[in-house]
N, C-alpha and C. Protein backbone atom coordinates (compact mmCIF):
# COMPACT_ATOMS: atom_id res chain seq x y z
N MET A 1 101.56 93.52 115.10
CA MET A 1 101.25 92.35 114.34
C MET A 1 99.84 92.51 113.77
N LEU A 2 99.71 92.30 112.48
CA LEU A 2 98.40 92.36 111.83
C LEU A 2 97.70 91.03 112.04
N ASN A 3 96.54 91.08 112.69
CA ASN A 3 95.80 89.83 112.88
C ASN A 3 94.36 89.93 112.41
N ARG A 4 94.02 91.07 111.80
CA ARG A 4 92.68 91.20 111.24
C ARG A 4 92.63 92.35 110.25
N THR A 5 91.94 92.14 109.17
CA THR A 5 91.62 93.21 108.23
C THR A 5 90.13 93.16 107.97
N SER A 6 89.55 94.30 107.73
CA SER A 6 88.14 94.39 107.36
C SER A 6 88.10 95.08 106.01
N LEU A 7 87.49 94.43 105.05
CA LEU A 7 87.44 94.96 103.69
C LEU A 7 86.02 95.36 103.35
N ALA A 8 85.87 96.55 102.82
CA ALA A 8 84.55 97.05 102.41
C ALA A 8 84.60 97.30 100.91
N TRP A 9 83.74 96.62 100.20
CA TRP A 9 83.68 96.75 98.74
C TRP A 9 82.32 97.31 98.36
N SER A 10 82.23 98.62 98.27
CA SER A 10 80.94 99.23 97.98
C SER A 10 80.68 99.38 96.49
N ARG A 11 81.67 99.16 95.65
CA ARG A 11 81.49 99.32 94.20
C ARG A 11 81.58 98.01 93.44
N ASP A 12 82.15 96.99 94.05
CA ASP A 12 82.32 95.70 93.39
C ASP A 12 81.33 94.69 93.94
N GLY A 13 80.76 93.90 93.09
CA GLY A 13 79.84 92.85 93.53
C GLY A 13 78.44 93.35 93.74
N THR A 14 77.58 92.44 94.14
CA THR A 14 76.17 92.77 94.32
C THR A 14 75.87 93.32 95.71
N GLU A 15 76.60 92.86 96.73
CA GLU A 15 76.37 93.34 98.09
C GLU A 15 77.25 94.56 98.35
N LYS A 16 76.64 95.64 98.79
CA LYS A 16 77.37 96.87 99.08
C LYS A 16 77.80 96.85 100.55
N ILE A 17 79.10 96.87 100.78
CA ILE A 17 79.64 96.89 102.14
C ILE A 17 80.43 98.18 102.27
N TYR A 18 80.09 98.96 103.28
CA TYR A 18 80.70 100.26 103.47
C TYR A 18 81.59 100.27 104.72
N VAL A 19 82.65 101.06 104.68
CA VAL A 19 83.55 101.19 105.81
C VAL A 19 82.78 101.64 107.04
N GLN A 20 81.86 102.59 106.86
CA GLN A 20 81.08 103.10 107.98
C GLN A 20 80.33 101.97 108.68
N THR A 21 79.75 101.07 107.92
CA THR A 21 78.98 99.97 108.49
C THR A 21 79.88 99.06 109.32
N LEU A 22 81.05 98.74 108.80
CA LEU A 22 81.97 97.88 109.53
C LEU A 22 82.45 98.54 110.82
N LEU A 23 82.73 99.86 110.75
CA LEU A 23 83.14 100.57 111.96
C LEU A 23 82.03 100.57 113.01
N GLU A 24 80.81 100.79 112.59
CA GLU A 24 79.68 100.79 113.53
C GLU A 24 79.49 99.41 114.15
N GLN A 25 79.57 98.36 113.34
CA GLN A 25 79.37 97.00 113.83
C GLN A 25 80.42 96.59 114.86
N ASP A 26 81.65 96.99 114.63
CA ASP A 26 82.76 96.57 115.48
C ASP A 26 83.35 97.74 116.25
N GLY A 27 82.53 98.73 116.59
CA GLY A 27 83.01 99.94 117.22
C GLY A 27 83.75 99.74 118.52
N ALA A 28 83.21 98.91 119.40
CA ALA A 28 83.86 98.69 120.70
C ALA A 28 85.23 98.05 120.50
N GLU A 29 85.29 97.05 119.63
CA GLU A 29 86.56 96.39 119.38
C GLU A 29 87.54 97.33 118.67
N ALA A 30 87.05 98.11 117.71
CA ALA A 30 87.91 99.05 116.99
C ALA A 30 88.51 100.07 117.96
N PHE A 31 87.71 100.60 118.86
CA PHE A 31 88.23 101.57 119.82
C PHE A 31 89.24 100.92 120.77
N ARG A 32 88.94 99.71 121.23
CA ARG A 32 89.87 99.00 122.12
C ARG A 32 91.22 98.82 121.41
N TRP A 33 91.19 98.47 120.14
CA TRP A 33 92.43 98.30 119.38
C TRP A 33 93.17 99.62 119.22
N LEU A 34 92.42 100.70 118.96
CA LEU A 34 93.06 102.01 118.86
C LEU A 34 93.79 102.37 120.15
N GLU A 35 93.15 102.06 121.26
CA GLU A 35 93.76 102.33 122.56
C GLU A 35 95.03 101.50 122.76
N GLN A 36 95.12 100.37 122.08
CA GLN A 36 96.29 99.51 122.19
C GLN A 36 97.33 99.79 121.11
N GLY A 37 97.10 100.85 120.32
CA GLY A 37 98.09 101.25 119.33
C GLY A 37 97.78 100.88 117.90
N ALA A 38 96.60 100.37 117.61
CA ALA A 38 96.25 99.98 116.24
C ALA A 38 96.16 101.20 115.33
N ALA A 39 96.20 100.94 114.05
CA ALA A 39 96.09 101.99 113.04
C ALA A 39 94.93 101.67 112.10
N ILE A 40 94.37 102.71 111.52
CA ILE A 40 93.29 102.55 110.54
C ILE A 40 93.77 103.13 109.22
N TYR A 41 93.75 102.31 108.20
CA TYR A 41 94.13 102.73 106.85
C TYR A 41 92.92 102.53 105.95
N ILE A 42 92.52 103.57 105.28
CA ILE A 42 91.38 103.51 104.38
C ILE A 42 91.87 103.91 103.00
N CYS A 43 91.60 103.06 102.03
CA CYS A 43 92.06 103.39 100.68
C CYS A 43 90.95 103.13 99.68
N GLY A 44 91.06 103.81 98.55
CA GLY A 44 90.08 103.63 97.49
C GLY A 44 90.28 104.63 96.37
N ASP A 45 89.45 104.51 95.39
CA ASP A 45 89.48 105.32 94.18
C ASP A 45 89.07 106.76 94.49
N ALA A 46 89.92 107.70 94.15
CA ALA A 46 89.68 109.12 94.47
C ALA A 46 88.43 109.67 93.81
N THR A 47 88.09 109.19 92.62
CA THR A 47 86.96 109.78 91.91
C THR A 47 85.63 109.36 92.51
N ARG A 48 85.59 108.25 93.26
CA ARG A 48 84.32 107.80 93.81
C ARG A 48 84.29 107.73 95.32
N MET A 49 85.44 107.74 95.98
CA MET A 49 85.45 107.51 97.41
C MET A 49 85.83 108.72 98.25
N ALA A 50 86.71 109.56 97.80
CA ALA A 50 87.32 110.57 98.66
C ALA A 50 86.32 111.42 99.43
N ALA A 51 85.32 111.96 98.77
CA ALA A 51 84.34 112.81 99.47
C ALA A 51 83.55 112.02 100.49
N ASP A 52 83.18 110.78 100.16
CA ASP A 52 82.45 109.94 101.10
C ASP A 52 83.29 109.61 102.32
N VAL A 53 84.59 109.38 102.13
CA VAL A 53 85.47 109.09 103.25
C VAL A 53 85.55 110.30 104.17
N ASP A 54 85.77 111.46 103.61
CA ASP A 54 85.90 112.66 104.42
C ASP A 54 84.67 112.91 105.27
N VAL A 55 83.52 112.66 104.71
CA VAL A 55 82.29 112.96 105.43
C VAL A 55 81.80 111.75 106.24
N GLY A 56 81.47 110.67 105.57
CA GLY A 56 80.83 109.53 106.23
C GLY A 56 81.71 108.73 107.15
N VAL A 57 82.85 108.31 106.67
CA VAL A 57 83.73 107.46 107.48
C VAL A 57 84.28 108.24 108.66
N GLU A 58 84.73 109.45 108.42
CA GLU A 58 85.28 110.23 109.52
C GLU A 58 84.23 110.52 110.58
N ARG A 59 83.02 110.82 110.14
CA ARG A 59 81.93 111.07 111.11
C ARG A 59 81.66 109.81 111.93
N THR A 60 81.63 108.67 111.27
CA THR A 60 81.39 107.41 111.98
C THR A 60 82.53 107.11 112.94
N LEU A 61 83.76 107.33 112.50
CA LEU A 61 84.91 107.09 113.36
C LEU A 61 84.88 107.99 114.58
N LEU A 62 84.52 109.25 114.38
CA LEU A 62 84.39 110.17 115.51
C LEU A 62 83.32 109.70 116.48
N ASP A 63 82.21 109.20 115.95
CA ASP A 63 81.14 108.69 116.80
C ASP A 63 81.60 107.47 117.60
N VAL A 64 82.32 106.56 116.93
CA VAL A 64 82.84 105.37 117.61
C VAL A 64 83.80 105.78 118.73
N ILE A 65 84.69 106.70 118.45
CA ILE A 65 85.65 107.17 119.45
C ILE A 65 84.93 107.81 120.63
N ALA A 66 83.95 108.67 120.35
CA ALA A 66 83.21 109.33 121.43
C ALA A 66 82.41 108.33 122.25
N ARG A 67 81.67 107.47 121.57
CA ARG A 67 80.79 106.53 122.27
C ARG A 67 81.58 105.52 123.10
N HIS A 68 82.55 104.89 122.50
CA HIS A 68 83.26 103.82 123.19
C HIS A 68 84.41 104.32 124.05
N GLY A 69 84.80 105.57 123.85
CA GLY A 69 85.83 106.16 124.70
C GLY A 69 85.26 107.04 125.79
N GLY A 70 83.93 107.23 125.76
CA GLY A 70 83.30 108.09 126.75
C GLY A 70 83.76 109.54 126.62
N LEU A 71 83.97 109.98 125.37
CA LEU A 71 84.51 111.31 125.13
C LEU A 71 83.45 112.24 124.53
N SER A 72 83.65 113.53 124.74
CA SER A 72 82.79 114.51 124.08
C SER A 72 83.18 114.57 122.60
N SER A 73 82.38 115.25 121.80
CA SER A 73 82.71 115.35 120.37
C SER A 73 84.02 116.11 120.16
N GLU A 74 84.27 117.12 121.00
CA GLU A 74 85.53 117.85 120.90
C GLU A 74 86.72 116.97 121.26
N GLU A 75 86.57 116.18 122.31
CA GLU A 75 87.64 115.27 122.71
C GLU A 75 87.88 114.19 121.66
N ALA A 76 86.80 113.69 121.06
CA ALA A 76 86.92 112.70 120.00
C ALA A 76 87.65 113.28 118.79
N SER A 77 87.37 114.54 118.47
CA SER A 77 88.05 115.21 117.36
C SER A 77 89.54 115.34 117.64
N ARG A 78 89.90 115.69 118.86
CA ARG A 78 91.32 115.79 119.23
C ARG A 78 91.97 114.40 119.18
N TYR A 79 91.25 113.39 119.60
CA TYR A 79 91.75 112.01 119.57
C TYR A 79 92.06 111.62 118.12
N LEU A 80 91.15 111.92 117.20
CA LEU A 80 91.36 111.60 115.79
C LEU A 80 92.51 112.43 115.22
N ASP A 81 92.63 113.69 115.62
CA ASP A 81 93.77 114.51 115.20
C ASP A 81 95.08 113.87 115.65
N ARG A 82 95.08 113.35 116.86
CA ARG A 82 96.30 112.70 117.37
C ARG A 82 96.62 111.45 116.56
N LEU A 83 95.58 110.64 116.25
CA LEU A 83 95.81 109.45 115.41
C LEU A 83 96.42 109.85 114.07
N SER A 84 95.91 110.92 113.48
CA SER A 84 96.44 111.40 112.20
C SER A 84 97.89 111.84 112.34
N SER A 85 98.19 112.61 113.38
CA SER A 85 99.56 113.10 113.56
C SER A 85 100.53 111.96 113.85
N GLU A 86 100.03 110.88 114.42
CA GLU A 86 100.86 109.70 114.68
C GLU A 86 100.87 108.73 113.49
N HIS A 87 100.23 109.13 112.41
CA HIS A 87 100.11 108.30 111.19
C HIS A 87 99.37 107.00 111.47
N ARG A 88 98.43 107.04 112.39
CA ARG A 88 97.63 105.86 112.71
C ARG A 88 96.23 105.93 112.10
N TYR A 89 95.89 107.06 111.52
CA TYR A 89 94.67 107.20 110.72
C TYR A 89 95.12 107.80 109.40
N GLN A 90 95.10 106.97 108.37
CA GLN A 90 95.58 107.41 107.07
C GLN A 90 94.62 107.01 105.97
N ARG A 91 94.58 107.86 104.98
CA ARG A 91 93.79 107.60 103.78
C ARG A 91 94.75 107.46 102.62
N ASP A 92 94.57 106.41 101.85
CA ASP A 92 95.35 106.20 100.64
C ASP A 92 94.37 106.28 99.48
N VAL A 93 94.35 107.44 98.84
CA VAL A 93 93.40 107.68 97.76
C VAL A 93 94.15 107.64 96.44
N TYR A 94 93.68 106.82 95.54
CA TYR A 94 94.37 106.63 94.26
C TYR A 94 93.42 106.85 93.11
N TYR A 95 93.98 106.91 91.92
CA TYR A 95 93.20 107.04 90.70
C TYR A 95 93.18 105.69 90.00
N GLU A 96 92.07 105.39 89.35
CA GLU A 96 91.93 104.11 88.66
C GLU A 96 93.06 103.91 87.66
N PRO A 97 93.59 102.70 87.57
CA PRO A 97 94.69 102.45 86.64
C PRO A 97 94.37 102.82 85.19
N CYS A 98 93.14 102.62 84.77
CA CYS A 98 92.82 102.89 83.37
C CYS A 98 92.88 104.38 83.04
N SER A 99 92.81 105.23 84.04
CA SER A 99 92.86 106.66 83.78
C SER A 99 94.26 107.24 83.99
N PHE A 100 95.21 106.40 84.39
CA PHE A 100 96.56 106.86 84.65
C PHE A 100 97.45 106.51 83.47
N HIS A 101 98.13 107.50 82.96
CA HIS A 101 99.06 107.29 81.86
C HIS A 101 100.43 107.75 82.32
N PRO A 102 101.35 106.79 82.58
CA PRO A 102 102.66 107.20 83.09
C PRO A 102 103.42 108.00 82.04
N PRO A 103 104.30 108.87 82.49
CA PRO A 103 105.08 109.66 81.53
C PRO A 103 105.98 108.74 80.70
N GLN A 104 106.28 109.20 79.52
CA GLN A 104 107.19 108.44 78.66
C GLN A 104 108.56 108.39 79.32
N GLN A 105 109.16 107.22 79.33
CA GLN A 105 110.48 107.07 79.92
C GLN A 105 111.54 107.28 78.85
N THR A 106 112.59 107.91 79.23
CA THR A 106 113.71 108.08 78.31
C THR A 106 114.92 107.39 78.91
N GLY A 107 115.88 107.09 78.08
CA GLY A 107 117.06 106.41 78.56
C GLY A 107 116.91 104.90 78.45
N ARG A 108 117.99 104.23 78.66
CA ARG A 108 117.97 102.78 78.60
C ARG A 108 117.38 102.22 79.88
N PRO A 109 116.74 101.03 79.81
CA PRO A 109 116.17 100.44 81.03
C PRO A 109 117.17 100.33 82.17
N SER A 110 118.43 100.03 81.88
CA SER A 110 119.42 99.91 82.95
C SER A 110 119.69 101.25 83.62
N GLU A 111 119.44 102.35 82.89
CA GLU A 111 119.62 103.68 83.48
C GLU A 111 118.40 104.05 84.33
N ILE A 112 117.23 103.57 83.89
CA ILE A 112 116.00 103.88 84.62
C ILE A 112 115.89 103.00 85.86
N PHE A 113 116.11 101.69 85.67
CA PHE A 113 116.06 100.72 86.76
C PHE A 113 117.39 99.98 86.77
N PRO A 114 118.31 100.36 87.63
CA PRO A 114 119.63 99.74 87.64
C PRO A 114 119.62 98.23 87.80
N ASP A 115 118.55 97.68 88.37
CA ASP A 115 118.53 96.22 88.54
C ASP A 115 118.04 95.49 87.30
N GLY A 116 117.80 96.22 86.18
CA GLY A 116 117.43 95.58 84.92
C GLY A 116 115.93 95.51 84.66
N ARG A 117 115.08 95.92 85.64
CA ARG A 117 113.63 95.90 85.39
C ARG A 117 113.30 96.88 84.29
N ARG A 118 112.20 96.65 83.63
CA ARG A 118 111.70 97.57 82.60
C ARG A 118 110.48 98.27 83.10
């Protein structure tokens, strides 16, 4: 059951909120939830976020796991690998809509979308 989401908007608005900051602030609770089966999904624009996620967020998550789980860095890395293999740590990286141009569709709409959508 989803009972909490934390949103980090580092590119929109005047206040910069980063995923790393939220993980650090709520590290003990985040780790407790992971131990109870929670999942972490991080998503954002590939052109501005992907490299930062790979480096900053993952490093922070590893630190949270090690610190609050009482694990070594190697054990924390294996823990994160396990979360990934269980699909409990996932990144959804997308491209901005304005830069995406869908392919031209051929055929009638009923052939493309049998339910009549266009």
